[in-house]
Amino acid sequence: MQLGLYEWATITLDIFGAYIIYKFMEVFFDTKKSSRRLEFITYAIYYLIGTAFFVFSNIPVVLMFYNLIAFFALTYNYESTIKNRVLSTLFIYSILVIAEVLVALLDGYLDTFSLFSTNIHSSIYGMFACRIISYAVVLTLNNFNHIKRGEMVPTSNWLSIALIPGASLYIILLLFQSRGISGIQVMIGVILILLINFATFYLYDVITAALSDKMQSLLVLEQNKYYDRQLEMIKSSLQTTNAIRHDLKNHMFSIRSLIESGDTKETVNYISKIMEDIGTRKDRSATGNTVIDSIINFKLQEAEQRGINTNLDLRIPEKLEIPSFDITIILGNLLDNAIKAASEVQDNKYVNVKIKYDKGRLLIQADNPYIGVIQESDGNILTTNEDRENHGIGLQSIKKVIHKYDGIMNIDHSYNVFSVSVLIYVD
């Protein structure tokens, strides 16, 4: 098949087109953590397959389905939810189609267009104008900064938003297939559709920002709660220290009296009882790391009061280069969730805690049995508490903290055992 000037121009401009798609992805996704090499390979594959379809087929409906599938596949270069992948695919493709329709109307090939047959129209200037318009649109959309945060949008809101670009595509196809409508009327309709999509995009950005602010407020409340609990731990520790100091003072008076009386045997027996008593008061966690020891001992005391068996595996240094506030949020939330779930189990109540530090990596893991069904939405665990407005943000609090350390959190709930593993990188 011999290629003409238009075909070669289109093949060349499609390289710029692939870059425009990448810029659109930057609007919806955080591209900083993606693999640059994998991105380059996937976009190159997209370009090559698209070029093959254009050269050997160039049927609009075929290209439409290919691009929709390809855009959705390209979203997997980035971390996100299914909702955001679907919505981004619909938005990107609808905007690109609208740009192409506007150029087609100005170029005057509406009457010769057919959705199911090979496109015979060719215009290098039109193709170039289409790419310029698309690039101008994506530069404008890059001013919206909240969408890529990936906040969870309620399903009802998401369906309402996704309906706009999806319906826009259908309406545009109808306009192309309609007869008896003037070019001016079609032009006005397409421009209105473009404005509606821009408005929807703006509303989506506002909703995401509002959800982000709401979540931030809940996290602040959660963090304040743990500040209060840290103060309780400190007060409890001070009370214990004062009690030991008071008891020790009394013991010293008694020992001195026994020594002065010359009763060596009774003195030895008294000291032995003191040592036994000290042994019974031994804390479960005694790593030397004050913050972690305080949290674990405070929480495990609560667990034992609820009849929960606890197992510890702690291998950490006395000092960790991580703020006590952050470690309190992570460990406190994990233990709170584990203790609450384990307390609802009838038999074999337990909480296993493992904390290990090795070469700049801190691993925190908590396992516990649970009853009931775990509910998930877009990879997020939903609370079983009836007050969903103010509960269920414990794991979200943890995610917020570990994000600062480029950490990861894995959750497994198979065989009625709920296990959460947190890995963060500490300098």
Protein backbone atom coordinates (compact mmCIF):
# COMPACT_ATOMS: atom_id res chain seq x y z
CA MET A 1 0.00 0.00 0.00
CA GLN A 2 1.46 3.30 -1.10
CA LEU A 3 1.21 6.14 1.39
CA GLY A 4 0.60 9.70 0.30
CA LEU A 5 1.54 13.01 1.86
CA TYR A 6 -1.59 13.07 4.07
CA GLU A 7 -0.88 9.60 5.47
CA TRP A 8 2.74 10.46 6.27
CA ALA A 9 1.70 13.74 7.85
CA THR A 10 -0.88 11.95 9.99
CA ILE A 11 1.62 9.30 11.08
CA THR A 12 4.05 12.04 12.09
CA LEU A 13 1.45 14.15 13.89
CA ASP A 14 0.21 11.08 15.76
CA ILE A 15 3.50 11.12 17.69
CA PHE A 16 2.43 14.50 19.01
CA GLY A 17 -1.02 12.99 19.54
CA ALA A 18 0.41 10.28 21.80
CA TYR A 19 2.17 12.98 23.83
CA ILE A 20 -1.16 14.82 24.16
CA ILE A 21 -2.71 11.65 25.57
CA TYR A 22 0.11 11.49 28.12
CA LYS A 23 -0.59 15.12 29.11
CA PHE A 24 -4.26 14.24 29.55
CA MET A 25 -3.26 11.38 31.86
CA GLU A 26 -1.31 13.90 33.96
CA VAL A 27 -4.60 15.70 34.59
CA PHE A 28 -6.23 12.62 36.13
CA PHE A 29 -3.33 10.69 37.64
CA ASP A 30 -0.20 11.18 39.70
CA THR A 31 2.50 10.28 37.17
CA LYS A 32 5.48 10.87 39.47
CA LYS A 33 5.55 7.32 40.84
CA SER A 34 5.06 5.57 37.51
CA SER A 35 7.83 3.79 35.63
CA ARG A 36 9.13 6.08 32.88
CA ARG A 37 10.41 3.13 30.89
CA LEU A 38 7.07 1.32 31.07
CA GLU A 39 5.26 4.51 30.14
CA PHE A 40 7.41 4.99 27.06
CA ILE A 41 6.88 1.39 25.97
CA THR A 42 3.10 1.45 26.43
CA TYR A 43 2.64 4.78 24.65
CA ALA A 44 4.89 3.58 21.83
CA ILE A 45 2.76 0.44 21.48
CA TYR A 46 -0.39 2.57 21.49
CA TYR A 47 1.07 4.75 18.73
CA LEU A 48 2.21 1.81 16.58
CA ILE A 49 -1.08 -0.10 16.80
CA GLY A 50 -3.08 3.09 16.16
CA THR A 51 -0.92 3.84 13.12
CA ALA A 52 -1.55 0.33 11.80
CA PHE A 53 -5.31 0.75 12.18
CA PHE A 54 -5.15 4.10 10.39
CA VAL A 55 -3.08 2.80 7.48
CA PHE A 56 -4.87 -0.52 6.90
CA SER A 57 -8.41 0.28 8.03
CA ASN A 58 -9.16 3.94 8.82
CA ILE A 59 -12.76 3.12 9.66
CA PRO A 60 -14.02 5.61 12.29
CA VAL A 61 -15.95 3.09 14.41
CA VAL A 62 -12.90 0.77 14.54
CA LEU A 63 -10.61 3.62 15.55
CA MET A 64 -13.16 4.73 18.16
CA PHE A 65 -13.28 1.35 19.92
CA TYR A 66 -9.51 0.98 19.67
CA ASN A 67 -8.89 4.36 21.31
CA LEU A 68 -11.39 3.75 24.11
CA ILE A 69 -9.76 0.41 24.93
CA ALA A 70 -6.24 1.80 24.54
CA PHE A 71 -6.90 4.84 26.76
CA PHE A 72 -8.31 2.62 29.48
CA ALA A 73 -5.29 0.30 29.22
CA LEU A 74 -2.88 3.26 29.44
CA THR A 75 -4.44 4.30 32.77
CA TYR A 76 -2.86 1.20 34.32
CA ASN A 77 0.49 2.96 34.16
CA TYR A 78 -0.74 4.83 37.23
CA GLU A 79 -2.19 4.01 40.64
CA SER A 80 -5.91 4.75 40.79
CA THR A 81 -9.40 3.33 41.13
CA ILE A 82 -11.58 1.76 38.45
CA LYS A 83 -13.95 4.71 38.71
CA ASN A 84 -11.23 7.20 37.91
CA ARG A 85 -9.91 5.05 35.04
CA VAL A 86 -13.32 4.82 33.40
CA LEU A 87 -14.09 8.50 33.93
CA SER A 88 -10.73 9.65 32.60
CA THR A 89 -11.12 7.47 29.50
CA LEU A 90 -14.56 8.92 28.74
CA PHE A 91 -13.47 12.50 29.36
CA ILE A 92 -10.28 12.26 27.31
CA TYR A 93 -11.91 10.60 24.33
CA SER A 94 -14.97 12.87 24.32
CA ILE A 95 -12.80 16.00 24.36
CA LEU A 96 -10.61 14.67 21.54
CA VAL A 97 -13.68 13.78 19.48
CA ILE A 98 -15.20 17.22 20.06
CA ALA A 99 -11.97 18.86 18.89
CA GLU A 100 -11.99 16.69 15.75
CA VAL A 101 -15.64 17.45 15.07
CA LEU A 102 -15.04 21.19 15.30
CA VAL A 103 -12.22 20.93 12.78
CA ALA A 104 -14.35 18.72 10.54
CA LEU A 105 -17.17 21.27 10.55
CA LEU A 106 -14.81 24.11 9.72
CA ASP A 107 -13.16 21.97 7.02
CA GLY A 108 -16.50 21.04 5.48
CA TYR A 109 -16.46 17.25 5.35
CA LEU A 110 -19.53 16.57 7.53
CA ASP A 111 -21.64 15.48 4.57
CA THR A 112 -19.10 12.90 3.39
CA PHE A 113 -18.54 11.32 6.80
CA SER A 114 -19.57 7.73 7.45
CA LEU A 115 -19.04 5.97 10.78
CA PHE A 116 -18.81 2.46 9.33
CA SER A 117 -16.87 2.96 6.10
CA THR A 118 -13.32 4.00 5.30
CA ASN A 119 -12.70 7.70 5.80
CA ILE A 120 -11.78 9.17 2.40
CA HIS A 121 -11.44 12.75 3.55
CA SER A 122 -7.89 14.08 3.95
CA SER A 123 -6.71 17.43 5.21
CA ILE A 124 -3.24 18.01 6.57
CA TYR A 125 -4.24 21.43 7.88
CA GLY A 126 -7.29 19.93 9.57
CA MET A 127 -5.21 17.23 11.25
CA PHE A 128 -2.71 19.82 12.44
CA ALA A 129 -5.49 22.09 13.75
CA CYS A 130 -7.06 19.16 15.60
CA ARG A 131 -3.81 18.45 17.45
CA ILE A 132 -3.32 22.13 18.32
CA ILE A 133 -6.86 22.43 19.73
CA SER A 134 -6.43 19.23 21.75
CA TYR A 135 -3.13 20.43 23.16
CA ALA A 136 -4.62 23.82 24.10
CA VAL A 137 -7.48 22.04 25.90
CA VAL A 138 -5.17 19.76 27.88
CA LEU A 139 -3.00 22.71 28.94
CA THR A 140 -6.15 24.39 30.25
CA LEU A 141 -7.30 21.30 32.11
CA ASN A 142 -3.91 20.96 33.80
CA ASN A 143 -4.90 23.93 35.95
CA PHE A 144 -7.30 21.64 37.83
CA ASN A 145 -5.24 20.14 40.65
CA HIS A 146 -7.64 18.10 42.77
CA ILE A 147 -8.75 15.30 40.43
CA LYS A 148 -5.45 13.41 40.48
CA ARG A 149 -5.61 13.06 44.26
CA GLY A 150 -7.79 10.02 43.72
CA GLU A 151 -10.27 10.80 46.49
CA MET A 152 -13.18 8.38 46.64
CA VAL A 153 -16.21 9.94 44.95
CA PRO A 154 -19.57 8.43 45.99
CA THR A 155 -20.99 6.09 43.36
CA SER A 156 -24.12 8.22 42.83
CA ASN A 157 -22.00 11.31 42.12
CA TRP A 158 -19.63 9.34 39.92
CA LEU A 159 -22.45 7.91 37.78
CA SER A 160 -23.92 11.39 37.31
CA ILE A 161 -20.56 12.79 36.24
CA ALA A 162 -19.66 9.85 33.97
CA LEU A 163 -23.01 10.17 32.21
CA ILE A 164 -22.00 13.55 30.71
CA PRO A 165 -18.96 12.52 28.59
CA GLY A 166 -20.58 9.18 27.76
CA ALA A 167 -23.77 10.84 26.51
CA SER A 168 -21.70 13.49 24.73
CA LEU A 169 -20.03 10.84 22.58
CA TYR A 170 -23.39 9.37 21.62
CA ILE A 171 -24.91 12.76 20.79
CA ILE A 172 -21.92 13.71 18.64
CA LEU A 173 -22.21 10.48 16.68
CA LEU A 174 -25.90 11.21 16.12
CA LEU A 175 -25.04 14.69 14.86
CA PHE A 176 -22.59 13.20 12.38
CA GLN A 177 -25.18 10.75 11.10
CA SER A 178 -28.07 13.22 11.00
CA ARG A 179 -29.28 14.83 7.80
CA GLY A 180 -31.20 18.04 7.30
CA ILE A 181 -29.34 19.97 10.01
CA SER A 182 -27.30 22.94 8.92
CA GLY A 183 -23.60 23.17 9.67
CA ILE A 184 -24.21 26.18 11.92
CA GLN A 185 -26.70 24.23 14.02
CA VAL A 186 -24.29 21.34 14.36
CA MET A 187 -21.48 23.75 15.25
CA ILE A 188 -23.54 25.36 18.02
CA GLY A 189 -24.52 21.93 19.36
CA VAL A 190 -20.91 20.73 19.44
CA ILE A 191 -19.72 23.91 21.16
CA LEU A 192 -22.45 23.53 23.79
CA ILE A 193 -21.42 19.92 24.35
CA LEU A 194 -17.82 21.06 24.80
CA LEU A 195 -18.90 23.69 27.36
CA ILE A 196 -21.02 21.11 29.21
CA ASN A 197 -18.01 18.80 29.43
CA PHE A 198 -15.82 21.63 30.70
CA ALA A 199 -18.45 22.50 33.32
CA THR A 200 -18.70 18.85 34.36
CA PHE A 201 -14.95 18.63 34.60
CA TYR A 202 -14.95 21.71 36.82
CA LEU A 203 -17.69 20.23 39.06
CA TYR A 204 -15.75 16.98 39.34
CA ASP A 205 -12.70 18.94 40.43
CA VAL A 206 -14.77 20.85 43.01
CA ILE A 207 -16.36 17.67 44.38
CA THR A 208 -12.95 16.03 44.69
CA ALA A 209 -11.57 19.08 46.50
CA ALA A 210 -14.55 19.08 48.88
CA LEU A 211 -14.08 15.38 49.65
CA SER A 212 -10.38 15.98 50.19
CA ASP A 213 -11.09 18.82 52.65
CA LYS A 214 -13.65 16.69 54.44
CA MET A 215 -11.23 13.79 54.76
CA GLN A 216 -8.52 16.17 55.97
CA SER A 217 -10.84 17.46 58.69
CA LEU A 218 -11.63 13.92 59.80
CA LEU A 219 -7.93 13.10 59.86
CA VAL A 220 -7.22 16.15 62.01
CA LEU A 221 -9.90 15.00 64.47
CA GLU A 222 -8.38 11.50 64.43
CA GLN A 223 -4.90 12.91 65.04
CA ASN A 224 -6.15 15.07 67.90
CA LYS A 225 -7.71 11.99 69.43
CA TYR A 226 -4.33 10.28 69.39
CA TYR A 227 -2.67 13.32 70.90
CA ASP A 228 -5.11 12.92 73.80
CA ARG A 229 -4.31 9.22 74.03
CA GLN A 230 -0.61 9.93 74.05
CA LEU A 231 -1.19 12.28 76.98
CA GLU A 232 -3.12 9.51 78.74
CA MET A 233 -0.17 7.16 78.17
CA ILE A 234 2.22 9.72 79.61
CA LYS A 235 -0.02 10.34 82.64
CA SER A 236 -0.37 6.60 83.21
CA SER A 237 3.40 6.18 82.95
CA LEU A 238 3.98 9.04 85.43
CA GLN A 239 1.46 7.59 87.86
CA THR A 240 3.19 4.22 87.68
CA THR A 241 6.58 5.84 88.20
CA ASN A 242 5.31 7.83 91.20
CA ALA A 243 3.75 4.69 92.68
CA ILE A 244 7.02 2.77 92.28
CA ARG A 245 8.96 5.66 93.81
CA HIS A 246 6.56 5.82 96.77
CA ASP A 247 6.65 2.04 97.29
CA LEU A 248 10.44 1.99 96.97
CA LYS A 249 10.77 4.65 99.64
CA ASN A 250 8.62 2.60 102.03
CA HIS A 251 10.53 -0.56 101.19
CA MET A 252 13.83 1.14 101.94
CA PHE A 253 12.58 2.16 105.37
CA SER A 254 11.48 -1.42 106.07
CA ILE A 255 14.76 -2.92 104.85
CA ARG A 256 16.77 -0.44 106.94
CA SER A 257 14.74 -1.38 110.01
CA LEU A 258 15.32 -5.09 109.39
CA ILE A 259 19.05 -4.56 108.92
CA GLU A 260 19.27 -2.45 112.08
CA SER A 261 17.49 -5.20 114.01
CA GLY A 262 20.04 -7.73 112.72
CA ASP A 263 17.41 -10.06 111.24
CA THR A 264 19.35 -11.12 108.13
CA LYS A 265 16.99 -13.94 107.14
CA GLU A 266 13.91 -11.73 107.23
CA THR A 267 15.79 -9.04 105.29
CA VAL A 268 16.63 -11.52 102.52
CA ASN A 269 13.02 -12.76 102.39
CA TYR A 270 11.73 -9.20 102.16
CA ILE A 271 14.08 -8.32 99.30
CA SER A 272 13.06 -11.53 97.50
CA LYS A 273 9.40 -10.54 97.71
CA ILE A 274 10.21 -7.12 96.25
CA MET A 275 12.03 -8.73 93.33
CA GLU A 276 9.11 -11.08 92.69
CA ASP A 277 6.71 -8.15 92.74
CA ILE A 278 8.88 -6.25 90.27
CA GLY A 279 8.88 -9.31 88.02
CA THR A 280 5.07 -9.42 87.99
CA ARG A 281 4.96 -5.76 86.97
CA LYS A 282 7.15 -6.29 83.93
CA ASP A 283 5.82 -4.55 80.82
CA ARG A 284 5.02 -6.59 77.72
CA SER A 285 7.06 -4.27 75.53
CA ALA A 286 10.48 -3.20 76.78
CA THR A 287 12.48 -2.37 73.65
CA GLY A 288 13.73 0.93 75.03
CA ASN A 289 11.78 2.87 72.40
CA THR A 290 9.61 4.95 74.70
CA VAL A 291 6.87 5.78 72.22
CA ILE A 292 6.35 2.27 70.87
CA ASP A 293 6.65 0.68 74.32
CA SER A 294 4.07 3.11 75.73
CA ILE A 295 1.56 2.52 72.94
CA ILE A 296 1.87 -1.27 72.99
CA ASN A 297 1.74 -1.60 76.78
CA PHE A 298 -1.23 0.75 76.98
CA LYS A 299 -3.14 -1.04 74.21
CA LEU A 300 -2.29 -4.58 75.29
CA GLN A 301 -3.51 -3.80 78.77
CA GLU A 302 -6.88 -2.97 77.19
CA ALA A 303 -6.74 -6.17 75.10
CA GLU A 304 -6.06 -8.36 78.13
CA GLN A 305 -8.95 -6.76 79.98
CA ARG A 306 -11.17 -7.92 77.09
CA GLY A 307 -9.85 -11.46 77.32
CA ILE A 308 -7.69 -11.20 74.18
CA ASN A 309 -4.42 -13.12 74.00
CA THR A 310 -1.54 -11.05 72.67
CA ASN A 311 1.69 -12.13 70.99
CA LEU A 312 4.61 -9.78 70.33
CA ASP A 313 7.58 -9.98 68.00
CA LEU A 314 9.57 -6.76 68.42
CA ARG A 315 12.98 -6.09 66.91
CA ILE A 316 13.55 -2.36 66.87
CA PRO A 317 16.26 0.02 68.12
CA GLU A 318 15.73 2.45 70.97
CA LYS A 319 15.61 5.37 68.55
CA LEU A 320 13.88 5.63 65.18
CA GLU A 321 14.07 8.62 62.86
CA ILE A 322 10.30 8.95 62.67
CA PRO A 323 8.19 11.47 64.64
CA SER A 324 6.35 10.01 67.63
CA PHE A 325 3.14 11.55 66.28
CA ASP A 326 3.35 9.52 63.04
CA ILE A 327 4.17 6.24 64.76
CA THR A 328 1.28 6.84 67.17
CA ILE A 329 -1.17 7.27 64.27
CA ILE A 330 0.03 4.10 62.54
CA LEU A 331 0.45 1.77 65.50
CA GLY A 332 -2.44 3.20 67.52
CA ASN A 333 -4.94 2.77 64.68
CA LEU A 334 -3.74 -0.74 63.85
CA LEU A 335 -4.07 -1.88 67.45
CA ASP A 336 -7.43 -0.14 67.93
CA ASN A 337 -8.88 -1.89 64.88
CA ALA A 338 -7.35 -5.26 65.78
CA ILE A 339 -8.54 -5.17 69.40
CA LYS A 340 -12.05 -4.10 68.43
CA ALA A 341 -12.38 -6.88 65.82
CA ALA A 342 -10.85 -9.57 68.05
CA SER A 343 -13.13 -8.64 70.96
CA GLU A 344 -16.18 -9.49 68.82
CA VAL A 345 -14.99 -13.06 68.23
CA GLN A 346 -16.44 -15.71 70.54
CA ASP A 347 -13.45 -18.07 70.76
CA ASN A 348 -9.72 -17.86 70.15
CA LYS A 349 -9.42 -14.11 70.63
CA TYR A 350 -5.95 -12.93 69.81
CA VAL A 351 -3.89 -10.06 68.43
CA ASN A 352 -0.45 -10.66 66.97
CA VAL A 353 1.88 -7.70 66.63
CA LYS A 354 5.16 -7.71 64.73
CA ILE A 355 7.47 -4.70 64.46
CA LYS A 356 10.83 -5.05 62.78
CA TYR A 357 13.44 -2.53 61.71
CA ASP A 358 16.17 -3.42 59.22
CA LYS A 359 18.38 -1.19 57.09
CA GLY A 360 16.09 1.82 56.98
CA ARG A 361 12.89 -0.19 56.61
CA LEU A 362 10.28 -0.36 59.35
CA LEU A 363 7.71 -3.15 59.14
CA ILE A 364 4.60 -3.06 61.32
CA GLN A 365 2.12 -5.93 61.12
CA ALA A 366 -1.04 -6.71 63.10
CA ASP A 367 -3.13 -9.89 62.76
CA ASN A 368 -6.46 -10.68 64.37
CA PRO A 369 -9.51 -12.88 63.82
CA TYR A 370 -12.82 -11.32 62.84
CA ILE A 371 -16.45 -12.24 62.25
CA GLY A 372 -18.79 -10.99 59.56
CA VAL A 373 -18.13 -9.86 55.99
CA ILE A 374 -15.47 -7.36 54.98
CA GLN A 375 -16.91 -4.71 52.67
CA GLU A 376 -14.68 -3.06 50.09
CA SER A 377 -15.08 -0.25 47.57
CA ASP A 378 -12.33 0.63 45.08
CA GLY A 379 -9.75 -1.11 47.24
CA ASN A 380 -10.85 0.68 50.44
CA ILE A 381 -12.14 -1.19 53.48
CA LEU A 382 -15.55 0.14 54.53
CA THR A 383 -16.44 0.54 58.18
CA THR A 384 -19.09 -1.72 59.72
CA ASN A 385 -19.92 1.00 62.23
CA GLU A 386 -23.38 2.50 61.77
CA ASP A 387 -21.91 6.00 62.09
CA ARG A 388 -20.14 5.91 58.73
CA GLU A 389 -19.77 9.69 58.74
CA ASN A 390 -17.19 9.73 61.54
CA HIS A 391 -15.83 6.19 61.58
CA GLY A 392 -13.81 4.01 59.29
CA ILE A 393 -11.04 6.52 58.72
CA GLY A 394 -8.43 4.64 60.76
CA LEU A 395 -6.88 2.99 57.71
CA GLN A 396 -7.20 6.27 55.81
CA SER A 397 -5.22 7.96 58.59
CA ILE A 398 -2.51 5.33 58.24
CA LYS A 399 -2.40 5.78 54.46
CA LYS A 400 -2.04 9.52 54.91
CA VAL A 401 0.98 9.06 57.17
CA ILE A 402 2.81 6.36 55.21
CA HIS A 403 2.39 8.40 52.02
CA LYS A 404 4.91 10.87 53.48
CA TYR A 405 7.48 8.08 53.65
CA ASP A 406 6.68 6.53 50.24
CA GLY A 407 5.50 3.51 52.19
CA ILE A 408 3.02 0.79 51.32
CA MET A 409 0.18 -0.94 53.14
CA ASN A 410 -1.06 -4.43 52.34
CA ILE A 411 -4.36 -5.80 53.66
CA ASP A 412 -5.40 -9.44 53.64
CA HIS A 413 -8.60 -10.82 55.16
CA SER A 414 -8.67 -14.45 54.06
CA TYR A 415 -9.74 -17.35 56.33
CA ASN A 416 -11.37 -14.92 58.80
CA VAL A 417 -8.01 -13.45 59.77
CA PHE A 418 -7.53 -9.74 59.16
CA SER A 419 -3.89 -8.86 58.55
CA VAL A 420 -2.45 -5.39 57.92
CA SER A 421 1.21 -4.88 56.99
CA VAL A 422 2.77 -1.43 56.83
CA LEU A 423 6.21 -0.82 55.37
CA ILE A 424 7.79 2.61 55.59
CA TYR A 425 11.27 3.82 54.74
CA VAL A 426 13.04 5.59 57.59
CA ASP A 427 16.30 7.49 57.09
